Amino acid sequence: MEEKKEKTGLLKRKDKTCLTCTQCGKSLGCQKSLRIHMMMHTGEKPFTCAQCGTSFRQTSALNQHMKIHTGEKPFTCAQCGTSFRQSSALNKHIKIHTGEKPFTCVQCGKSFRQSSNLYKHMLIHTGEKQFSCAQCGTSFLQSSHLNQHMLIHTGEKPFTCAQCGTSFRQLSALNEHIKIHTGEKPFTCVQCGTSFRHSSALNDHMKIHTGEKTHECNQCSKTFLRASNLKRHLRVHTKEKPYSCSLCGKRFICQSSLKTHQKIHTGVREYVCFACEKTFITAEQLKLHQRIHTGEKPYVCSHCGKTFSLLGTLKKHQRIHTEEKH
C-alpha cells in the first residue's frame, strides 16, 4: 500500500515537472510546447500558405491564416455585428462592450482584458527585452515585435489591399486600412459622438476628455496620451533616428516623417484644396491651409480671447502676455 502511495506521489510530481528552454529560461508544461517555443529562437516555420507563401510554426496558425484568403468570418458579435475569423477574437471583442478588464497589474494598477496583455505590460516594469535584432541590435519585449521589426530590413510587405493595392507589413494594419474603403467606424465616443475604426483609437481619444496622460518621460517629465508617443519622444533625448531615406540618406525619428520626406523626391502631392486646387504633400498641411478659406481659428488665447488658425501662432502671441508680467 505504501509502495502504491509512493508511486502515485512520484507520478504526481512527474506531472508537475516543467521543461525549461535553455536559451531564454522560460518554463513549458510539455515536450510539444517546448518544441513549438524553440521555433521562436530557431526561426523555423514549417507550415507554408500555398497562396501567398507566408509561413507559420503551427498548422492551427496556418488554418486561421487561410481564412484571410477565403474571407470567412463565422463568429459575429450580437451587439454590433462585427464578424471575426476566430471565436477567441470575438470573446476578446465582447469585453469592449462589457468594459470587463479582469487582469490587473500589481505594480501600477492598470487593468487589461487579456492575461497576455498583462504579461506583455509587466515586461515594461522589469525592463526585460530578450529578443534582439541581429542586423541593428534593437531589442524587443516580444518575439512578435522582433518579427515585425525584421520586415523593415527586408522590405517585405506580405499583406495587400485587394481594392487599392497598398501593401502592409502586418495583417492588423491591412484590416485597419480596409475600414477606410468600407467607411466602418464601429467605436463611438459617448461624450462627443466621434467615431473610430478601432477600439484603441477610441481609448486614446477618451483621454482627451479625461485629461489623462499616463506615459511620462523619465528625462524631462513631459507626459503623453500614448505609449507610442512617449517612445517617439524619447528619441529626442537619445538622438536616435532609425529611419533613413534611401535616396539622400537623411535620417528621421519616426517612419511617418520619412514617408512624408520621400514625397519630396517623388513629387507626389496627393492632397488637393477644394477651394483653390492648391496641392499638398500631407493631409495635415491641407487641413491647415483650408483654414484660410473657412476662416476657422480654433486656438484661443486664455489671456485676451484672441483666436488663431495655428497653434504655433497662438504660442508666439502668448509670449506678449508672459513678457508683460515680467
Protein backbone atom coordinates (compact mmCIF):
# COMPACT_ATOMS: atom_id res chain seq x y z
CA MET A 1 0.00 0.00 0.00
CA GLU A 2 2.79 2.36 0.96
CA GLU A 3 4.60 1.42 -2.22
CA LYS A 4 1.48 2.35 -4.26
CA LYS A 5 1.21 5.69 -2.47
CA GLU A 6 4.86 6.35 -3.12
CA LYS A 7 4.47 5.54 -6.81
CA THR A 8 1.36 7.74 -7.03
CA GLY A 9 3.26 10.58 -5.38
CA LEU A 10 6.08 10.19 -7.89
CA LEU A 11 3.60 10.30 -10.76
CA LYS A 12 2.03 13.46 -9.40
CA ARG A 13 5.42 15.12 -9.14
CA LYS A 14 6.21 13.92 -12.64
CA ASP A 15 3.01 15.57 -13.95
CA LYS A 16 4.06 18.89 -12.45
CA THR A 17 7.59 18.73 -13.90
CA CYS A 18 8.34 21.73 -16.13
CA LEU A 19 10.63 21.72 -19.14
CA THR A 20 12.93 24.74 -19.37
CA CYS A 21 14.13 26.49 -22.52
CA THR A 22 17.94 26.56 -22.47
CA GLN A 23 18.04 29.81 -24.46
CA CYS A 24 15.71 32.10 -22.52
CA GLY A 25 14.82 30.14 -19.36
CA LYS A 26 11.07 30.03 -20.00
CA SER A 27 9.28 27.04 -18.42
CA LEU A 28 6.92 24.91 -20.52
CA GLY A 29 4.42 22.25 -19.45
CA CYS A 30 5.15 19.57 -22.05
CA GLN A 31 7.57 18.47 -24.75
CA LYS A 32 5.27 19.69 -27.56
CA SER A 33 5.05 23.19 -26.04
CA LEU A 34 8.82 23.32 -25.68
CA ARG A 35 9.31 22.19 -29.30
CA ILE A 36 6.94 24.92 -30.58
CA HIS A 37 8.58 27.51 -28.31
CA MET A 38 12.08 26.63 -29.59
CA MET A 39 10.96 27.57 -33.10
CA MET A 40 10.86 31.20 -31.89
CA HIS A 41 14.63 31.02 -31.34
CA THR A 42 15.48 28.94 -34.43
CA GLY A 43 13.10 30.86 -36.72
CA GLU A 44 11.69 27.57 -38.04
CA LYS A 45 8.27 27.89 -39.69
CA PRO A 46 7.47 24.57 -41.39
CA PHE A 47 3.86 25.30 -42.44
CA THR A 48 3.52 27.50 -45.55
CA CYS A 49 0.47 29.08 -47.18
CA ALA A 50 0.15 27.87 -50.80
CA GLN A 51 -1.49 31.15 -51.85
CA CYS A 52 0.85 33.84 -50.52
CA GLY A 53 3.88 31.96 -49.17
CA THR A 54 3.56 33.16 -45.55
CA SER A 55 4.98 30.57 -43.15
CA PHE A 56 3.85 29.54 -39.66
CA ARG A 57 5.11 27.50 -36.72
CA GLN A 58 1.86 25.57 -36.24
CA THR A 59 -0.82 24.12 -38.54
CA SER A 60 -3.52 25.82 -36.44
CA ALA A 61 -1.98 29.21 -37.24
CA LEU A 62 -1.90 28.33 -40.94
CA ASN A 63 -5.58 27.27 -40.83
CA GLN A 64 -6.53 30.59 -39.23
CA HIS A 65 -4.47 32.47 -41.80
CA MET A 66 -6.26 30.72 -44.70
CA LYS A 67 -9.47 32.48 -43.64
CA ILE A 68 -7.86 35.75 -44.83
CA HIS A 69 -7.88 34.40 -48.38
CA THR A 70 -11.35 32.81 -48.14
CA GLY A 71 -12.83 35.85 -46.35
CA GLU A 72 -14.52 33.51 -43.87
CA LYS A 73 -15.60 35.21 -40.61
CA PRO A 74 -18.00 32.80 -38.91
CA PHE A 75 -18.09 34.45 -35.47
CA THR A 76 -20.35 37.53 -35.19
CA CYS A 77 -20.87 39.98 -32.31
CA ALA A 78 -24.55 40.09 -31.30
CA GLN A 79 -24.24 43.72 -30.16
CA CYS A 80 -22.60 45.47 -33.10
CA GLY A 81 -22.49 42.88 -35.89
CA THR A 82 -18.70 42.84 -36.27
CA SER A 83 -17.50 39.44 -37.54
CA PHE A 84 -14.32 37.57 -36.70
CA ARG A 85 -12.31 34.65 -38.02
CA GLN A 86 -11.78 33.11 -34.57
CA SER A 87 -14.06 32.63 -31.56
CA SER A 88 -11.22 33.85 -29.30
CA ALA A 89 -11.17 37.17 -31.21
CA LEU A 90 -14.94 37.52 -30.70
CA ASN A 91 -14.59 36.82 -26.96
CA LYS A 92 -11.90 39.50 -26.69
CA HIS A 93 -14.07 41.94 -28.68
CA ILE A 94 -17.13 41.39 -26.43
CA LYS A 95 -15.12 42.75 -23.48
CA ILE A 96 -15.08 46.12 -25.28
CA HIS A 97 -18.87 46.30 -24.88
CA THR A 98 -18.91 44.95 -21.30
CA GLY A 99 -15.89 47.02 -20.23
CA GLU A 100 -14.53 43.94 -18.46
CA LYS A 101 -10.80 44.11 -17.62
CA PRO A 102 -10.17 41.28 -15.17
CA PHE A 103 -6.35 41.23 -15.33
CA THR A 104 -4.68 43.90 -13.15
CA CYS A 105 -1.02 44.88 -12.81
CA VAL A 106 0.05 44.66 -9.15
CA GLN A 107 2.70 47.36 -9.68
CA CYS A 108 0.72 50.20 -11.27
CA GLY A 109 -2.92 49.06 -11.10
CA LYS A 110 -3.52 49.17 -14.86
CA SER A 111 -6.14 46.63 -15.97
CA PHE A 112 -6.34 44.55 -19.14
CA ARG A 113 -8.93 42.49 -21.00
CA GLN A 114 -6.49 39.64 -21.64
CA SER A 115 -3.87 37.91 -19.49
CA SER A 116 -1.44 38.00 -22.44
CA ASN A 117 -1.64 41.83 -22.49
CA LEU A 118 -0.93 41.93 -18.75
CA TYR A 119 2.11 39.67 -19.26
CA LYS A 120 3.40 41.96 -22.04
CA HIS A 121 2.75 45.01 -19.87
CA MET A 122 4.72 43.52 -16.94
CA LEU A 123 7.84 43.46 -19.14
CA ILE A 124 7.71 47.29 -19.09
CA HIS A 125 8.29 47.22 -15.33
CA THR A 126 11.02 44.55 -15.47
CA GLY A 127 12.71 46.18 -18.49
CA GLU A 128 13.31 42.72 -19.94
CA LYS A 129 13.98 42.75 -23.70
CA GLN A 130 15.24 39.31 -24.62
CA PHE A 131 14.64 39.44 -28.39
CA SER A 132 17.36 41.31 -30.32
CA CYS A 133 17.68 42.18 -34.00
CA ALA A 134 20.82 40.60 -35.50
CA GLN A 135 21.10 43.44 -38.04
CA CYS A 136 20.79 46.61 -35.94
CA GLY A 137 20.84 45.41 -32.33
CA THR A 138 17.45 46.84 -31.38
CA SER A 139 15.87 44.78 -28.59
CA PHE A 140 12.21 43.95 -28.08
CA LEU A 141 9.93 42.74 -25.30
CA GLN A 142 8.26 40.14 -27.55
CA SER A 143 9.36 37.89 -30.40
CA SER A 144 6.36 39.10 -32.46
CA HIS A 145 7.69 42.67 -32.23
CA LEU A 146 11.10 41.47 -33.43
CA ASN A 147 9.47 39.64 -36.37
CA GLN A 148 7.58 42.80 -37.32
CA HIS A 149 10.75 44.86 -37.00
CA MET A 150 12.69 42.49 -39.30
CA LEU A 151 10.29 43.38 -42.11
CA ILE A 152 11.77 46.92 -42.02
CA HIS A 153 15.15 45.46 -43.02
CA THR A 154 13.78 43.02 -45.60
CA GLY A 155 11.23 45.50 -47.00
CA GLU A 156 8.68 42.68 -47.05
CA LYS A 157 5.01 43.72 -47.06
CA PRO A 158 3.06 40.46 -47.43
CA PHE A 159 -0.46 41.83 -46.81
CA THR A 160 -2.01 43.63 -49.80
CA CYS A 161 -5.32 45.50 -50.07
CA ALA A 162 -7.47 43.96 -52.82
CA GLN A 163 -9.14 47.32 -53.52
CA CYS A 164 -6.22 49.73 -53.94
CA GLY A 165 -3.09 47.54 -53.95
CA THR A 166 -1.48 49.16 -50.88
CA SER A 167 0.73 46.66 -49.05
CA PHE A 168 1.39 46.32 -45.33
CA ARG A 169 3.84 44.53 -43.05
CA GLN A 170 1.13 43.41 -40.64
CA LEU A 171 -2.32 41.88 -41.11
CA SER A 172 -3.72 44.17 -38.41
CA ALA A 173 -2.57 47.22 -40.41
CA LEU A 174 -4.31 45.87 -43.52
CA ASN A 175 -7.54 45.24 -41.56
CA GLU A 176 -7.47 48.81 -40.26
CA HIS A 177 -6.76 50.14 -43.76
CA ILE A 178 -9.73 48.24 -45.26
CA LYS A 179 -12.04 50.23 -42.97
CA ILE A 180 -11.04 53.35 -44.97
CA HIS A 181 -12.72 51.79 -48.03
CA THR A 182 -15.77 50.46 -46.15
CA GLY A 183 -16.14 53.60 -44.02
CA GLU A 184 -16.69 51.37 -41.00
CA LYS A 185 -16.22 53.16 -37.66
CA PRO A 186 -17.83 50.90 -35.05
CA PHE A 187 -16.38 52.54 -31.92
CA THR A 188 -18.16 55.74 -30.81
CA CYS A 189 -17.30 58.18 -28.02
CA VAL A 190 -20.26 58.52 -25.64
CA GLN A 191 -19.20 62.07 -24.71
CA CYS A 192 -18.86 63.78 -28.09
CA GLY A 193 -20.12 61.23 -30.64
CA THR A 194 -16.85 60.95 -32.59
CA SER A 195 -16.50 57.51 -34.17
CA PHE A 196 -13.35 55.48 -34.75
CA ARG A 197 -12.26 52.48 -36.79
CA HIS A 198 -10.75 50.61 -33.84
CA SER A 199 -11.11 50.49 -30.06
CA SER A 200 -7.52 51.59 -29.35
CA ALA A 201 -8.19 54.89 -31.16
CA LEU A 202 -11.34 55.40 -29.06
CA ASN A 203 -9.39 54.65 -25.85
CA ASP A 204 -6.75 57.22 -26.84
CA HIS A 205 -9.47 59.74 -27.73
CA MET A 206 -11.19 59.31 -24.33
CA LYS A 207 -8.04 60.58 -22.64
CA ILE A 208 -8.69 63.97 -24.29
CA HIS A 209 -11.90 64.24 -22.24
CA THR A 210 -10.35 62.90 -19.01
CA GLY A 211 -7.07 64.80 -19.46
CA GLU A 212 -5.26 61.59 -18.59
CA LYS A 213 -1.60 61.42 -19.68
CA THR A 214 -0.22 58.28 -18.07
CA HIS A 215 3.02 57.95 -20.03
CA GLU A 216 5.77 60.13 -18.51
CA CYS A 217 9.27 60.79 -19.86
CA ASN A 218 11.85 59.92 -17.19
CA GLN A 219 14.24 62.56 -18.55
CA CYS A 220 12.13 65.71 -18.82
CA SER A 221 8.83 64.69 -17.09
CA LYS A 222 6.77 65.50 -20.18
CA THR A 223 3.62 63.35 -20.28
CA PHE A 224 1.83 61.73 -23.22
CA LEU A 225 -1.55 60.18 -24.01
CA ARG A 226 0.01 57.18 -25.75
CA ALA A 227 3.00 54.93 -25.07
CA SER A 228 3.93 55.19 -28.77
CA ASN A 229 4.15 58.98 -28.45
CA LEU A 230 6.44 58.64 -25.43
CA LYS A 231 8.64 56.15 -27.32
CA ARG A 232 8.92 58.59 -30.23
CA HIS A 233 9.62 61.50 -27.85
CA LEU A 234 12.46 59.60 -26.10
CA ARG A 235 14.37 59.64 -29.38
CA VAL A 236 14.68 63.42 -28.93
CA HIS A 237 16.85 62.69 -25.88
CA THR A 238 18.72 59.68 -27.28
CA LYS A 239 19.18 61.36 -30.72
CA GLU A 240 18.18 58.01 -32.26
CA LYS A 241 16.99 58.30 -35.88
CA PRO A 242 16.35 54.74 -37.07
CA TYR A 243 14.57 55.61 -40.33
CA SER A 244 16.84 56.53 -43.26
CA CYS A 245 15.93 57.88 -46.72
CA SER A 246 17.34 55.52 -49.37
CA LEU A 247 17.68 58.41 -51.85
CA CYS A 248 19.50 61.13 -49.87
CA GLY A 249 20.49 59.44 -46.61
CA LYS A 250 18.61 61.87 -44.37
CA ARG A 251 17.50 60.19 -41.14
CA PHE A 252 14.29 60.56 -39.14
CA ILE A 253 12.95 59.82 -35.67
CA CYS A 254 9.72 58.22 -36.91
CA GLN A 255 8.63 56.34 -40.02
CA SER A 256 5.79 58.77 -40.81
CA SER A 257 8.34 61.62 -41.10
CA LEU A 258 10.41 59.52 -43.51
CA LYS A 259 7.34 58.78 -45.67
CA THR A 260 6.44 62.49 -45.78
CA HIS A 261 10.05 63.38 -46.68
CA GLN A 262 10.17 60.80 -49.51
CA LYS A 263 7.31 62.61 -51.25
CA ILE A 264 9.77 65.48 -51.85
CA HIS A 265 11.78 63.11 -54.07
CA THR A 266 8.77 61.55 -55.79
CA GLY A 267 6.96 64.88 -56.25
CA VAL A 268 3.69 63.32 -55.04
CA ARG A 269 1.25 65.96 -53.75
CA GLU A 270 -1.93 63.93 -53.40
CA TYR A 271 -3.93 66.31 -51.17
CA VAL A 272 -5.88 68.94 -53.14
CA CYS A 273 -7.68 72.01 -51.75
CA PHE A 274 -11.35 72.03 -52.85
CA ALA A 275 -11.42 75.87 -52.94
CA CYS A 276 -8.26 76.85 -54.87
CA GLU A 277 -6.92 73.48 -56.11
CA LYS A 278 -3.55 74.02 -54.44
CA THR A 279 -1.85 70.70 -53.71
CA PHE A 280 -0.04 69.48 -50.58
CA ILE A 281 2.23 66.63 -49.54
CA THR A 282 0.34 65.79 -46.33
CA ALA A 283 -3.27 65.84 -45.14
CA GLU A 284 -2.21 67.99 -42.16
CA GLN A 285 -0.76 70.67 -44.49
CA LEU A 286 -4.04 70.70 -46.45
CA LYS A 287 -6.09 70.95 -43.24
CA LEU A 288 -4.08 73.96 -42.04
CA HIS A 289 -4.30 75.63 -45.48
CA GLN A 290 -8.11 75.23 -45.68
CA ARG A 291 -8.50 77.44 -42.62
CA ILE A 292 -7.57 80.36 -44.90
CA HIS A 293 -10.78 79.70 -46.85
CA THR A 294 -13.04 78.67 -43.94
CA GLY A 295 -11.80 81.34 -41.54
CA GLU A 296 -11.59 78.71 -38.80
CA LYS A 297 -9.47 79.80 -35.82
CA PRO A 298 -9.67 77.01 -33.24
CA TYR A 299 -6.88 78.21 -30.94
CA VAL A 300 -7.98 80.78 -28.34
CA CYS A 301 -5.71 82.88 -26.12
CA SER A 302 -6.75 82.37 -22.48
CA HIS A 303 -5.50 85.87 -21.58
CA CYS A 304 -7.26 88.10 -24.12
CA GLY A 305 -9.58 85.86 -26.11
CA LYS A 306 -7.86 86.45 -29.46
CA THR A 307 -8.19 83.45 -31.84
CA PHE A 308 -5.67 81.87 -34.20
CA SER A 309 -5.71 79.34 -37.01
CA LEU A 310 -2.37 77.77 -35.99
CA LEU A 311 -1.18 76.53 -32.59
CA GLY A 312 2.32 77.88 -33.27
CA THR A 313 0.92 81.38 -33.87
CA LEU A 314 -1.01 81.23 -30.58
CA LYS A 315 2.15 80.24 -28.68
CA LYS A 316 4.09 83.16 -30.19
CA HIS A 317 1.23 85.52 -29.29
CA GLN A 318 1.11 84.30 -25.67
CA ARG A 319 4.70 85.43 -25.16
CA ILE A 320 3.36 89.02 -25.29
CA HIS A 321 1.35 88.33 -22.11
CA THR A 322 4.16 86.47 -20.32
CA GLU A 323 6.66 89.25 -21.13
CA GLU A 324 4.18 91.86 -19.78
CA LYS A 325 4.11 90.03 -16.42
CA HIS A 326 7.92 90.20 -16.20
